[in-house]
Amino acid sequence: MLEKFSVRKPFTVLVGVILVVVLGVVSFMNTSTDLMPAMDLPFTAIFTTQFGATPEQVERDVSIPLEARMSTLSGIETVQSISMEHVSILILQFTETTNMDSASLEIREALDMMNLPDGVSRPMTIRMNPEMMPVMTANVHMAGVAIDELSEFARYTVAPALEGVPGVAMASLSGLVQNQLHVVIEAERIDAVNMQMGMAMAAIMEAAMAEMAQMVEAMVLRSAEEFTANRWHELLEEGVSPEEAEAQIQEELPVFMETASLAAMEQIAEEQGGAAPGDGEMPIGLPAEMLSVDVITGLLTAQNFSMPAGIITEEGIEYMVRVGDRFESIEEISNMLIFDPGAMGLVGVAPVRLSDIANVFVTDDSHLSFTRVNGNPAVMLSIQRQSEFPTADVTNAVRDRMDALIAEYPELGFSILMDQGEMIGIVISSVMNNLLVGGLLAIVILLLFLRDIRPTLIVAVSIPVSIMLAFTLMYFTGVSLNMISMGGLALAVGMLVDNSIVVIENIYRMRATTDRSVARAAVSGAKQVSGAIVAATLTTAALFVPIIFTEGMTRQIFQDLV
């Protein structure tokens, strides 16, 4: 049937071949390239943090409850947990037939129903997928630039520029130097300041006591004079002789002066609004507590505070208002006023600043890890792509953006350590070269045995046309150009050459042994061996039938081969 149609409708076949070639070229140009087929691994990781907790506490409060809850998920195969300081990591492995989209939704619902202790962060789930692997890793370095400056430049300039490339999901940096501000409070300095303030307070209290004693003495003397005069007249009016009145007044006067002293001290205390001397309390205006670590910590927290406070509208213009302020430099922190003795009435004591009681300095974590390129400090850069973009296109676009950054910052340099796009190009080019070499060798061998250019050209044309048809089918079925699919194409080319040789050789045999025309010989020759060709092709294809019935990762890897 097909052979008759091909002979009787040559122009229709020609149009079909041209259509296949055009679609094949367009499909080949738009088909994504990758190293391996897309795979959905049955693994999920759950990260949970509990700051300040020991591994034992993390295991007790986080890992064990999560393990118990995750073990009830459908399709779960194994649950592994890793408990470290501050962090709990759970690795869930599902059966290969599990739908990971449904499993992820079930995990999230299970986590939402859990009540973890206070201080435990919300668990974060990450599906393990080959697409999470970086498509490019590189070192970022700048000649003559310190590692802290390089870290800041890479964080705020390089990474945002590369994340703006179409197809880049994330540009992550490692090996960055993190600056940390340390305020080390020295107890000896605090004790010295407290002692100095205590001495000043003692002097003030002593002076206040002396002044109060003079005031009490003056008030008591005035009261004694009034008491003596009044009592003298009372006794004389009662008929007591002057000698007896004077003796009686001398006898009553000590008791009156003691009572008058207490009354005077209470009156002075009420007038000053404070406690009377001898009550064990501090005079008004003096701090009730000395400096301590808690007091200094509270002052630092209160000073380094900033938050939005609303919007003010004036003449149609809106102004954002913020309260508080944050420290801008280490000098500002060192000079922060902790205690002003003058405002508290302490004379002779200098203002206390943070630098007087603590050492303020900045350190970094460069001693923990470092990266160097040609002796210069460097930062590790990893590029992750979005799943819908081809790897090679993303890496090429990233390289172009790197060149633009180097042109803008001449001292900047990138050392490419790994480029999946380049690797994919090498693999695909190798497979394509093998396809071309195999096809050319088949054509040469066919020419040597048939000794006729016409059948050789027929086979030479059928190979690329068939490959273009395969590219068209791959494009519309979503199969990418990878090692597995290209291997299947190489196998198909071999089968195509075998079948073509059998058909052409049989057509030439019929022309040589019978008096049939070219058209009739073509139809009869193809029809005669069609059964054998179909049987041979099905015999080879039968080897791949088991892949159809496999599940899990095996099916995901080898389905592009079929």
Protein backbone atom coordinates (compact mmCIF):
# COMPACT_ATOMS: atom_id res chain seq x y z
CA MET A 1 0.00 0.00 0.00
CA LEU A 2 2.61 2.52 1.09
CA GLU A 3 5.06 1.51 -1.61
CA LYS A 4 2.43 1.95 -4.33
CA PHE A 5 1.43 5.37 -3.00
CA SER A 6 5.08 6.48 -2.91
CA VAL A 7 5.64 5.45 -6.55
CA ARG A 8 2.37 6.83 -7.91
CA LYS A 9 2.47 10.17 -5.99
CA PRO A 10 6.08 11.35 -6.26
CA PHE A 11 5.27 15.05 -5.85
CA THR A 12 3.18 14.39 -2.77
CA VAL A 13 6.07 12.46 -1.28
CA LEU A 14 8.44 15.31 -2.22
CA VAL A 15 6.22 17.87 -0.50
CA GLY A 16 6.02 15.61 2.55
CA VAL A 17 9.82 15.30 2.65
CA ILE A 18 10.25 19.08 2.36
CA LEU A 19 7.69 19.59 5.14
CA VAL A 20 9.50 17.09 7.36
CA VAL A 21 12.84 18.79 6.73
CA VAL A 22 11.47 22.27 7.52
CA LEU A 23 9.71 21.09 10.69
CA GLY A 24 12.80 19.11 11.68
CA VAL A 25 15.11 22.12 11.34
CA VAL A 26 12.75 24.37 13.32
CA SER A 27 12.23 21.68 15.96
CA PHE A 28 15.97 21.06 16.28
CA MET A 29 16.62 24.78 16.80
CA ASN A 30 13.93 25.04 19.51
CA THR A 31 14.43 21.72 21.27
CA SER A 32 16.08 22.16 24.66
CA THR A 33 19.39 20.45 25.30
CA ASP A 34 20.34 18.84 28.57
CA LEU A 35 22.81 16.34 29.90
CA MET A 36 20.24 13.84 31.17
CA PRO A 37 16.45 13.48 30.92
CA ALA A 38 14.26 15.29 33.42
CA MET A 39 13.87 13.21 36.57
CA ASP A 40 11.62 13.56 39.60
CA LEU A 41 13.49 11.92 42.49
CA PRO A 42 11.38 10.45 45.33
CA PHE A 43 13.28 12.36 48.01
CA THR A 44 12.28 15.34 50.15
CA ALA A 45 14.28 17.11 52.87
CA ILE A 46 12.79 19.02 55.82
CA PHE A 47 14.94 21.68 57.52
CA THR A 48 13.97 23.02 60.95
CA THR A 49 15.97 25.41 63.13
CA GLN A 50 15.97 25.84 66.91
CA PHE A 51 18.53 28.48 67.79
CA GLY A 52 20.57 27.89 70.91
CA ALA A 53 19.58 24.23 71.23
CA THR A 54 22.03 21.35 71.66
CA PRO A 55 21.88 18.30 69.37
CA GLU A 56 20.16 16.32 72.12
CA GLN A 57 17.54 19.02 72.59
CA VAL A 58 17.00 19.31 68.83
CA GLU A 59 16.50 15.56 68.61
CA ARG A 60 14.05 15.52 71.52
CA ASP A 61 12.00 18.60 70.60
CA VAL A 62 12.12 18.51 66.77
CA SER A 63 13.53 15.38 65.11
CA ILE A 64 11.61 12.71 67.03
CA PRO A 65 8.17 14.41 66.71
CA LEU A 66 8.77 15.04 63.00
CA GLU A 67 9.87 11.45 62.43
CA ALA A 68 6.73 10.15 64.13
CA ARG A 69 4.47 12.39 62.06
CA MET A 70 6.21 11.83 58.72
CA SER A 71 6.17 8.07 59.15
CA THR A 72 2.40 8.13 58.69
CA LEU A 73 2.55 9.62 55.18
CA SER A 74 1.31 7.51 52.31
CA GLY A 75 4.02 6.04 50.10
CA ILE A 76 6.80 6.70 52.62
CA GLU A 77 9.64 4.21 52.50
CA THR A 78 12.34 5.48 54.88
CA VAL A 79 12.73 8.43 57.24
CA GLN A 80 16.20 9.56 58.28
CA SER A 81 17.01 12.41 60.66
CA ILE A 82 20.16 14.37 61.41
CA SER A 83 20.22 16.44 64.60
CA MET A 84 22.90 19.10 64.96
CA GLU A 85 23.30 22.28 66.96
CA HIS A 86 20.41 24.59 66.08
CA VAL A 87 19.29 22.46 63.07
CA SER A 88 17.25 19.33 62.41
CA ILE A 89 17.33 17.70 58.95
CA LEU A 90 14.85 15.01 57.92
CA ILE A 91 15.34 13.08 54.67
CA LEU A 92 12.18 11.35 53.41
CA GLN A 93 12.37 8.64 50.77
CA PHE A 94 9.16 7.61 49.03
CA THR A 95 8.42 4.67 46.80
CA GLU A 96 9.32 5.15 43.17
CA THR A 97 5.67 5.13 42.10
CA THR A 98 4.71 7.98 44.45
CA ASN A 99 3.43 11.20 42.90
CA MET A 100 5.79 13.74 44.44
CA ASP A 101 3.42 16.66 43.84
CA SER A 102 0.77 14.99 45.96
CA ALA A 103 3.40 13.91 48.50
CA SER A 104 4.66 17.50 48.88
CA LEU A 105 1.12 18.71 49.54
CA GLU A 106 0.60 15.97 52.12
CA ILE A 107 3.88 16.85 53.85
CA ARG A 108 2.86 20.50 54.10
CA GLU A 109 -0.54 19.60 55.56
CA ALA A 110 1.09 17.31 58.11
CA LEU A 111 3.54 20.03 59.16
CA ASP A 112 0.76 22.58 59.55
CA MET A 113 -1.03 20.28 61.99
CA MET A 114 2.02 19.90 64.25
CA ASN A 115 2.56 21.98 67.39
CA LEU A 116 6.30 22.36 67.84
CA PRO A 117 7.78 23.96 70.99
CA ASP A 118 8.39 27.69 71.27
CA GLY A 119 11.62 28.80 69.67
CA VAL A 120 11.36 26.30 66.80
CA SER A 121 11.11 27.84 63.36
CA ARG A 122 8.59 26.86 60.71
CA PRO A 123 9.88 23.72 58.93
CA MET A 124 11.08 24.25 55.36
CA THR A 125 10.66 21.49 52.76
CA ILE A 126 12.89 21.04 49.73
CA ARG A 127 12.26 18.49 46.99
CA MET A 128 15.48 16.92 45.83
CA ASN A 129 15.72 17.30 42.08
CA PRO A 130 18.64 17.17 39.63
CA GLU A 131 17.55 20.60 38.43
CA MET A 132 18.55 21.96 41.84
CA MET A 133 22.18 21.31 40.97
CA PRO A 134 24.03 24.41 39.75
CA VAL A 135 24.52 24.66 36.01
CA MET A 136 27.65 26.74 36.50
CA THR A 137 30.15 27.34 39.27
CA ALA A 138 32.83 30.00 39.16
CA ASN A 139 35.21 31.97 41.33
CA VAL A 140 34.81 35.73 41.62
CA HIS A 141 38.04 37.61 42.27
CA MET A 142 39.36 41.16 42.08
CA ALA A 143 43.03 42.06 41.99
CA GLY A 144 44.22 44.08 44.97
CA VAL A 145 40.89 43.96 46.81
CA ALA A 146 40.51 42.65 50.35
CA ILE A 147 38.20 39.73 50.96
CA ASP A 148 35.65 41.77 52.95
CA GLU A 149 35.36 44.33 50.14
CA LEU A 150 35.14 41.53 47.58
CA SER A 151 32.38 39.84 49.60
CA GLU A 152 30.35 43.05 49.71
CA PHE A 153 30.89 43.67 45.97
CA ALA A 154 29.87 40.11 45.08
CA ARG A 155 26.81 40.23 47.32
CA TYR A 156 25.43 43.59 46.17
CA THR A 157 26.74 43.89 42.59
CA VAL A 158 27.68 40.56 41.00
CA ALA A 159 24.87 38.37 42.32
CA PRO A 160 22.01 40.81 41.49
CA ALA A 161 23.44 41.36 37.98
CA LEU A 162 23.57 37.62 37.26
CA GLU A 163 20.14 36.95 38.78
CA GLY A 164 18.74 39.39 36.24
CA VAL A 165 19.77 37.09 33.38
CA PRO A 166 16.73 35.38 31.80
CA GLY A 167 16.56 31.78 32.94
CA VAL A 168 18.64 32.23 36.11
CA ALA A 169 16.70 31.17 39.19
CA MET A 170 19.35 32.04 41.77
CA ALA A 171 22.96 33.14 41.98
CA SER A 172 24.24 31.90 45.34
CA LEU A 173 27.54 32.89 46.91
CA SER A 174 29.73 30.92 49.30
CA GLY A 175 32.98 31.75 50.99
CA LEU A 176 31.73 35.24 51.86
CA VAL A 177 33.34 36.99 54.79
CA GLN A 178 30.81 38.09 57.38
CA ASN A 179 31.88 41.01 59.58
CA GLN A 180 30.79 40.74 63.19
CA LEU A 181 30.78 43.53 65.78
CA HIS A 182 31.89 42.45 69.23
CA VAL A 183 31.29 44.40 72.45
CA VAL A 184 33.33 42.75 75.20
CA ILE A 185 32.37 44.22 78.56
CA GLU A 186 35.15 44.10 81.16
CA ALA A 187 34.03 43.59 84.74
CA GLU A 188 37.11 45.37 86.12
CA ARG A 189 36.22 48.56 84.27
CA ILE A 190 32.61 48.39 85.43
CA ASP A 191 33.76 47.87 89.02
CA ALA A 192 36.12 50.87 88.74
CA VAL A 193 33.34 53.10 87.38
CA ASN A 194 30.92 51.85 90.03
CA MET A 195 33.49 52.52 92.72
CA GLN A 196 34.12 56.03 91.42
CA MET A 197 30.40 56.75 91.33
CA GLY A 198 29.99 55.23 94.79
CA MET A 199 32.66 57.51 96.21
CA ALA A 200 31.03 60.52 94.58
CA MET A 201 27.67 59.44 95.97
CA ALA A 202 29.18 58.99 99.43
CA ALA A 203 30.67 62.49 99.29
CA ILE A 204 27.33 63.95 98.25
CA MET A 205 25.56 62.06 101.00
CA GLU A 206 28.12 63.19 103.56
CA ALA A 207 27.74 66.80 102.50
CA ALA A 208 23.98 66.46 102.53
CA MET A 209 24.08 64.94 106.00
CA ALA A 210 26.28 67.76 107.32
CA GLU A 211 23.99 70.38 105.80
CA MET A 212 20.95 68.66 107.22
CA ALA A 213 22.61 68.41 110.65
CA GLN A 214 23.21 72.16 110.63
CA MET A 215 19.61 72.80 109.65
CA VAL A 216 18.34 70.48 112.38
CA GLU A 217 20.60 72.11 114.94
CA ALA A 218 19.38 75.58 114.02
CA MET A 219 15.75 74.50 114.14
CA VAL A 220 16.27 72.75 117.50
CA LEU A 221 17.96 75.83 119.00
CA ARG A 222 15.11 78.06 117.89
CA SER A 223 12.61 75.60 119.31
CA ALA A 224 14.58 75.36 122.58
CA GLU A 225 14.62 79.12 122.97
CA GLU A 226 10.89 79.29 122.34
CA PHE A 227 10.28 76.37 124.75
CA THR A 228 12.42 77.98 127.49
CA ALA A 229 10.68 81.34 127.21
CA ASN A 230 7.21 79.90 127.11
CA ARG A 231 7.87 77.43 129.93
CA TRP A 232 9.44 80.20 132.12
CA HIS A 233 6.30 82.30 131.92
CA GLU A 234 4.05 79.31 132.56
CA LEU A 235 5.97 78.30 135.70
CA LEU A 236 6.08 81.84 137.04
CA GLU A 237 2.34 82.21 136.53
CA GLU A 238 1.85 78.99 138.51
CA GLY A 239 3.72 80.58 141.48
CA VAL A 240 6.94 78.66 141.06
CA SER A 241 10.01 80.54 142.27
CA PRO A 242 12.56 81.55 139.62
CA GLU A 243 15.14 79.16 141.04
CA GLU A 244 12.75 76.22 140.89
CA ALA A 245 11.50 77.22 137.42
CA GLU A 246 15.04 77.32 136.05
CA ALA A 247 15.82 73.93 137.58
CA GLN A 248 12.65 72.38 136.17
CA ILE A 249 13.32 73.85 132.70
CA GLN A 250 16.86 72.41 132.75
CA GLU A 251 15.37 69.05 133.62
CA GLU A 252 12.74 69.11 130.82
CA LEU A 253 14.95 70.68 128.16
CA PRO A 254 16.92 67.48 127.03
CA VAL A 255 13.71 65.55 126.43
CA PHE A 256 12.23 68.44 124.46
CA MET A 257 15.40 68.84 122.36
CA GLU A 258 15.38 65.15 121.42
CA THR A 259 11.73 65.36 120.37
CA ALA A 260 12.40 68.61 118.52
CA SER A 261 15.34 67.01 116.65
CA LEU A 262 13.16 64.18 115.32
CA ALA A 263 10.44 66.59 114.35
CA ALA A 264 12.94 68.81 112.55
CA MET A 265 14.38 65.89 110.56
CA GLU A 266 10.90 64.76 109.55
CA GLN A 267 9.99 68.31 108.49
CA ILE A 268 13.14 68.64 106.38
CA ALA A 269 12.55 65.24 104.77
CA GLU A 270 8.96 66.19 103.88
CA GLU A 271 10.08 69.49 102.40
CA GLN A 272 12.76 67.78 100.26
CA GLY A 273 10.45 64.92 99.22
CA GLY A 274 12.92 62.24 100.31
CA ALA A 275 13.71 59.95 103.21
CA ALA A 276 15.03 61.16 106.42
CA PRO A 277 18.64 60.43 107.25
CA GLY A 278 19.13 57.14 108.89
CA ASP A 279 16.40 55.37 106.88
CA GLY A 280 19.05 53.64 104.67
CA GLU A 281 17.80 55.16 101.39
CA MET A 282 19.68 57.17 98.77
CA PRO A 283 19.14 60.94 98.45
CA ILE A 284 16.87 62.15 95.67
CA GLY A 285 18.64 62.53 92.27
CA LEU A 286 21.13 59.69 92.76
CA PRO A 287 20.81 56.40 90.80
CA ALA A 288 19.35 53.52 92.75
CA GLU A 289 21.48 50.95 90.82
CA MET A 290 25.07 50.91 89.66
CA LEU A 291 26.14 49.90 86.11
CA SER A 292 25.78 46.22 85.22
CA VAL A 293 25.92 44.00 82.13
CA ASP A 294 22.13 43.89 81.91
CA VAL A 295 21.88 47.67 82.04
CA ILE A 296 24.48 48.08 79.27
CA THR A 297 22.81 45.42 77.12
CA GLY A 298 19.47 47.18 77.44
CA LEU A 299 21.02 50.53 76.51
CA LEU A 300 22.67 49.05 73.40
CA THR A 301 19.40 47.47 72.31
CA ALA A 302 17.44 50.65 72.88
CA GLN A 303 19.95 52.84 71.02
CA ASN A 304 20.24 50.51 67.97
CA PHE A 305 16.53 50.64 67.14
CA SER A 306 14.63 51.93 64.14
CA MET A 307 11.07 51.36 62.93
CA PRO A 308 8.48 53.13 60.74
CA ALA A 309 6.07 55.38 62.63
CA GLY A 310 3.60 56.31 59.92
CA ILE A 311 3.18 58.95 57.24
CA ILE A 312 2.82 62.73 57.58
CA THR A 313 1.07 64.65 54.81
CA GLU A 314 2.02 68.29 54.32
CA GLU A 315 0.78 70.36 51.38
CA GLY A 316 -0.16 67.22 49.48
CA ILE A 317 3.26 65.62 49.94
CA GLU A 318 3.56 62.46 52.01
CA TYR A 319 6.61 62.00 54.23
CA MET A 320 7.51 58.68 55.81
CA VAL A 321 8.38 59.00 59.48
CA ARG A 322 10.75 56.71 61.32
CA VAL A 323 11.59 56.65 65.01
CA GLY A 324 14.88 55.66 66.49
CA ASP A 325 18.18 55.32 64.73
CA ARG A 326 20.74 52.63 64.05
CA PHE A 327 24.47 52.80 64.52
CA GLU A 328 26.37 53.70 61.37
CA SER A 329 29.98 53.13 62.43
CA ILE A 330 32.09 51.51 65.10
CA GLU A 331 33.17 54.96 66.32
CA GLU A 332 29.55 55.87 66.96
CA ILE A 333 29.10 52.74 69.03
CA SER A 334 32.31 53.29 70.99
CA ASN A 335 31.35 56.88 71.85
CA MET A 336 27.81 55.98 72.93
CA LEU A 337 26.99 57.70 76.25
CA ILE A 338 26.19 55.13 78.91
CA PHE A 339 25.87 57.34 82.00
CA ASP A 340 26.00 61.12 82.53
CA PRO A 341 26.96 61.83 86.15
CA GLY A 342 26.36 65.59 85.75
CA ALA A 343 22.69 64.99 85.05
CA MET A 344 22.48 62.95 88.26
CA GLY A 345 24.22 65.54 90.39
CA LEU A 346 27.52 63.66 90.71
CA VAL A 347 30.27 66.29 90.67
CA GLY A 348 33.79 65.31 89.73
CA VAL A 349 32.86 62.17 87.74
CA ALA A 350 33.46 62.18 83.96
CA PRO A 351 30.70 60.95 81.58
CA VAL A 352 30.87 57.19 81.09
CA ARG A 353 30.98 56.00 77.46
CA LEU A 354 30.90 52.47 76.09
CA SER A 355 34.61 52.53 75.28
CA ASP A 356 35.33 53.24 78.98
CA ILE A 357 33.85 49.94 80.14
CA ALA A 358 34.11 47.65 77.07
CA ASN A 359 36.30 46.78 74.10
CA VAL A 360 34.51 47.39 70.79
CA PHE A 361 36.01 45.76 67.69
CA VAL A 362 35.06 44.13 64.38
CA THR A 363 36.11 40.62 63.34
CA ASP A 364 35.28 38.36 60.40
CA ASP A 365 34.96 34.63 59.78
CA SER A 366 37.71 34.39 57.18
CA HIS A 367 39.55 31.91 59.40
CA LEU A 368 36.74 29.37 58.95
CA SER A 369 36.90 29.05 55.14
CA PHE A 370 38.63 30.82 52.28
CA THR A 371 38.98 30.62 48.50
CA ARG A 372 41.96 31.87 46.52
CA VAL A 373 42.63 32.19 42.79
CA ASN A 374 46.23 32.84 41.76
CA GLY A 375 46.98 33.95 45.30
CA ASN A 376 44.10 36.45 45.43
CA PRO A 377 41.05 36.05 47.69
CA ALA A 378 37.95 34.87 45.84
CA VAL A 379 34.28 34.05 46.35
CA MET A 380 32.53 30.93 45.05
CA LEU A 381 29.57 31.58 42.74
CA SER A 382 26.88 29.00 41.86
CA ILE A 383 24.23 29.54 39.19
CA GLN A 384 20.92 27.66 39.24
CA ARG A 385 18.59 27.79 36.25
CA GLN A 386 14.84 27.85 35.94
CA SER A 387 13.48 24.50 34.82
CA GLU A 388 11.79 25.79 31.65
CA PHE A 389 14.99 27.29 30.19
CA PRO A 390 17.63 25.24 28.31
CA THR A 391 20.87 24.80 30.22
CA ALA A 392 23.12 25.84 27.35
CA ASP A 393 21.15 29.05 26.71
CA VAL A 394 21.31 30.02 30.37
CA THR A 395 25.04 29.42 30.73
CA ASN A 396 25.78 31.30 27.51
CA ALA A 397 23.70 34.25 28.72
CA VAL A 398 25.52 34.16 32.08
CA ARG A 399 28.88 34.23 30.32
CA ASP A 400 27.76 37.26 28.31
CA ARG A 401 26.71 39.07 31.48
CA MET A 402 30.05 38.18 33.09
CA ASP A 403 31.85 39.73 30.11
CA ALA A 404 29.73 42.88 30.52
CA LEU A 405 30.65 43.09 34.22
CA ILE A 406 34.34 42.65 33.42
CA ALA A 407 34.09 45.46 30.86
CA GLU A 408 32.47 47.69 33.49
CA TYR A 409 34.87 46.70 36.29
CA PRO A 410 38.29 45.92 34.71
CA GLU A 411 39.74 44.61 37.99
CA LEU A 412 36.96 42.00 38.22
CA GLY A 413 37.58 38.44 37.05
CA PHE A 414 35.73 35.12 36.83
CA SER A 415 37.27 31.65 36.78
CA ILE A 416 34.78 29.12 35.42
CA LEU A 417 35.11 25.87 37.35
CA MET A 418 32.13 23.99 35.94
CA ASP A 419 29.80 24.75 33.03
CA GLN A 420 27.05 22.24 32.32
CA GLY A 421 26.20 24.07 29.10
CA GLU A 422 29.68 23.54 27.77
CA MET A 423 29.63 19.94 28.95
CA ILE A 424 26.27 19.34 27.27
CA GLY A 425 27.59 20.92 24.07
CA ILE A 426 30.59 18.59 24.12
CA VAL A 427 28.43 15.51 24.69
CA ILE A 428 25.82 16.45 22.09
CA SER A 429 28.52 17.38 19.57
CA SER A 430 30.25 14.06 20.17
CA VAL A 431 27.03 12.12 19.59
CA MET A 432 26.20 14.17 16.51
CA ASN A 433 29.70 13.63 15.14
CA ASN A 434 29.34 9.91 15.71
CA LEU A 435 26.00 10.00 13.89
CA LEU A 436 27.54 11.83 10.93
CA VAL A 437 30.60 9.60 10.82
CA GLY A 438 28.45 6.48 11.06
CA GLY A 439 26.17 7.70 8.29
CA LEU A 440 29.08 8.61 6.03
CA LEU A 441 30.75 5.28 6.61
CA ALA A 442 27.47 3.48 5.81
CA ILE A 443 27.16 5.48 2.58
CA VAL A 444 30.75 4.75 1.56
CA ILE A 445 30.40 1.04 2.25
CA LEU A 446 27.09 0.97 0.39
CA LEU A 447 28.71 2.65 -2.62
CA LEU A 448 31.56 0.14 -2.61
CA PHE A 449 29.22 -2.87 -2.58
CA LEU A 450 26.43 -1.59 -4.87
CA ARG A 451 28.77 0.26 -7.19
CA ASP A 452 25.96 2.61 -8.15
CA ILE A 453 25.57 6.23 -7.09
CA ARG A 454 21.75 6.34 -7.32
CA PRO A 455 20.88 3.88 -4.50
CA THR A 456 23.70 5.34 -2.45
CA LEU A 457 22.18 8.82 -2.77
CA ILE A 458 18.78 7.44 -1.81
CA VAL A 459 20.19 6.08 1.45
CA ALA A 460 22.19 9.27 2.01
CA VAL A 461 19.02 11.35 1.72
CA SER A 462 16.86 9.04 3.80
CA ILE A 463 19.16 9.25 6.83
CA PRO A 464 18.90 13.06 7.46
CA VAL A 465 15.21 13.11 6.50
CA SER A 466 14.47 10.40 9.04
CA ILE A 467 16.51 12.25 11.69
CA MET A 468 14.56 15.46 10.96
CA LEU A 469 11.32 13.52 11.45
CA ALA A 470 12.67 12.24 14.77
CA PHE A 471 13.54 15.81 15.87
CA THR A 472 10.01 16.91 15.00
CA LEU A 473 8.46 14.15 17.10
CA MET A 474 10.86 14.89 19.97
CA TYR A 475 9.90 18.56 19.96
CA PHE A 476 6.15 17.96 20.05
CA THR A 477 6.43 15.23 22.71
CA GLY A 478 8.67 17.34 24.97
CA VAL A 479 11.77 15.12 24.71
CA SER A 480 15.01 17.06 25.08
CA LEU A 481 18.30 16.47 23.33
CA ASN A 482 20.31 14.52 25.89
CA MET A 483 22.67 11.59 26.05
CA ILE A 484 19.85 9.03 26.20
CA SER A 485 17.73 10.43 23.36
CA MET A 486 20.77 10.95 21.12
CA GLY A 487 21.81 7.37 21.82
CA GLY A 488 18.39 6.25 20.63
CA LEU A 489 18.86 8.28 17.43
CA ALA A 490 22.22 6.61 16.78
CA LEU A 491 20.61 3.21 17.19
CA ALA A 492 17.77 4.21 14.86
CA VAL A 493 20.22 5.35 12.17
CA GLY A 494 21.84 1.94 12.20
CA MET A 495 18.49 0.21 11.79
CA LEU A 496 17.54 2.67 9.04
CA VAL A 497 20.69 1.92 7.06
CA ASP A 498 20.17 -1.84 7.43
CA ASN A 499 16.57 -1.67 6.21
CA SER A 500 17.45 0.69 3.35
CA ILE A 501 20.17 -1.63 2.10
CA VAL A 502 17.82 -4.63 2.18
CA VAL A 503 15.09 -2.81 0.25
CA ILE A 504 17.38 -1.29 -2.39
CA GLU A 505 19.32 -4.48 -2.94
CA ASN A 506 16.08 -6.40 -3.48
CA ILE A 507 14.78 -3.78 -5.94
CA TYR A 508 17.99 -3.98 -7.96
CA ARG A 509 17.86 -7.77 -7.90
CA MET A 510 14.35 -7.76 -9.33
CA ARG A 511 15.35 -5.36 -12.11
CA ALA A 512 18.31 -7.51 -12.98
CA THR A 513 16.43 -10.85 -13.02
CA THR A 514 13.13 -9.68 -14.55
CA ASP A 515 12.06 -7.33 -17.27
CA ARG A 516 9.99 -5.13 -14.92
CA SER A 517 10.15 -1.36 -15.10
CA VAL A 518 11.74 0.77 -12.42
CA ALA A 519 8.38 1.66 -10.86
CA ARG A 520 7.12 -1.93 -10.80
CA ALA A 521 10.46 -3.20 -9.52
CA ALA A 522 10.40 -0.62 -6.73
CA VAL A 523 6.88 -1.61 -5.68
CA SER A 524 7.44 -5.35 -5.94
CA GLY A 525 10.89 -5.28 -4.36
CA ALA A 526 9.76 -3.23 -1.36
CA LYS A 527 6.63 -5.28 -0.89
CA GLN A 528 8.53 -8.54 -1.07
CA VAL A 529 10.88 -7.71 1.84
CA SER A 530 8.46 -5.58 3.86
CA GLY A 531 7.56 -8.50 6.10
CA ALA A 532 11.19 -9.32 6.80
CA ILE A 533 11.99 -5.63 7.52
CA VAL A 534 9.04 -5.27 9.89
CA ALA A 535 10.03 -8.49 11.66
CA ALA A 536 13.65 -7.39 12.04
CA THR A 537 12.62 -3.96 13.30
CA LEU A 538 10.14 -5.40 15.79
CA THR A 539 12.79 -7.85 17.00
CA THR A 540 15.06 -4.92 17.87
CA ALA A 541 12.20 -2.86 19.31
CA ALA A 542 11.11 -5.79 21.48
CA LEU A 543 14.28 -5.28 23.52
CA PHE A 544 12.86 -1.97 24.76
CA VAL A 545 9.36 -3.19 25.60
CA PRO A 546 10.25 -3.88 29.27
CA ILE A 547 11.02 -0.16 29.70
CA ILE A 548 7.34 0.58 29.11
CA PHE A 549 6.39 -1.50 32.15
CA THR A 550 9.11 -0.20 34.47
CA GLU A 551 8.42 2.48 37.08
CA GLY A 552 10.36 5.09 38.94
CA MET A 553 13.79 6.38 38.07
CA THR A 554 14.53 3.58 35.58
CA ARG A 555 11.57 4.62 33.48
CA GLN A 556 12.43 8.32 33.75
CA ILE A 557 16.01 7.72 32.57
CA PHE A 558 15.41 5.31 29.68
CA GLN A 559 12.04 6.43 28.34
CA ASP A 560 13.77 8.93 26.02
CA LEU A 561 15.67 6.01 24.50
CA VAL A 562 12.40 4.44 23.38
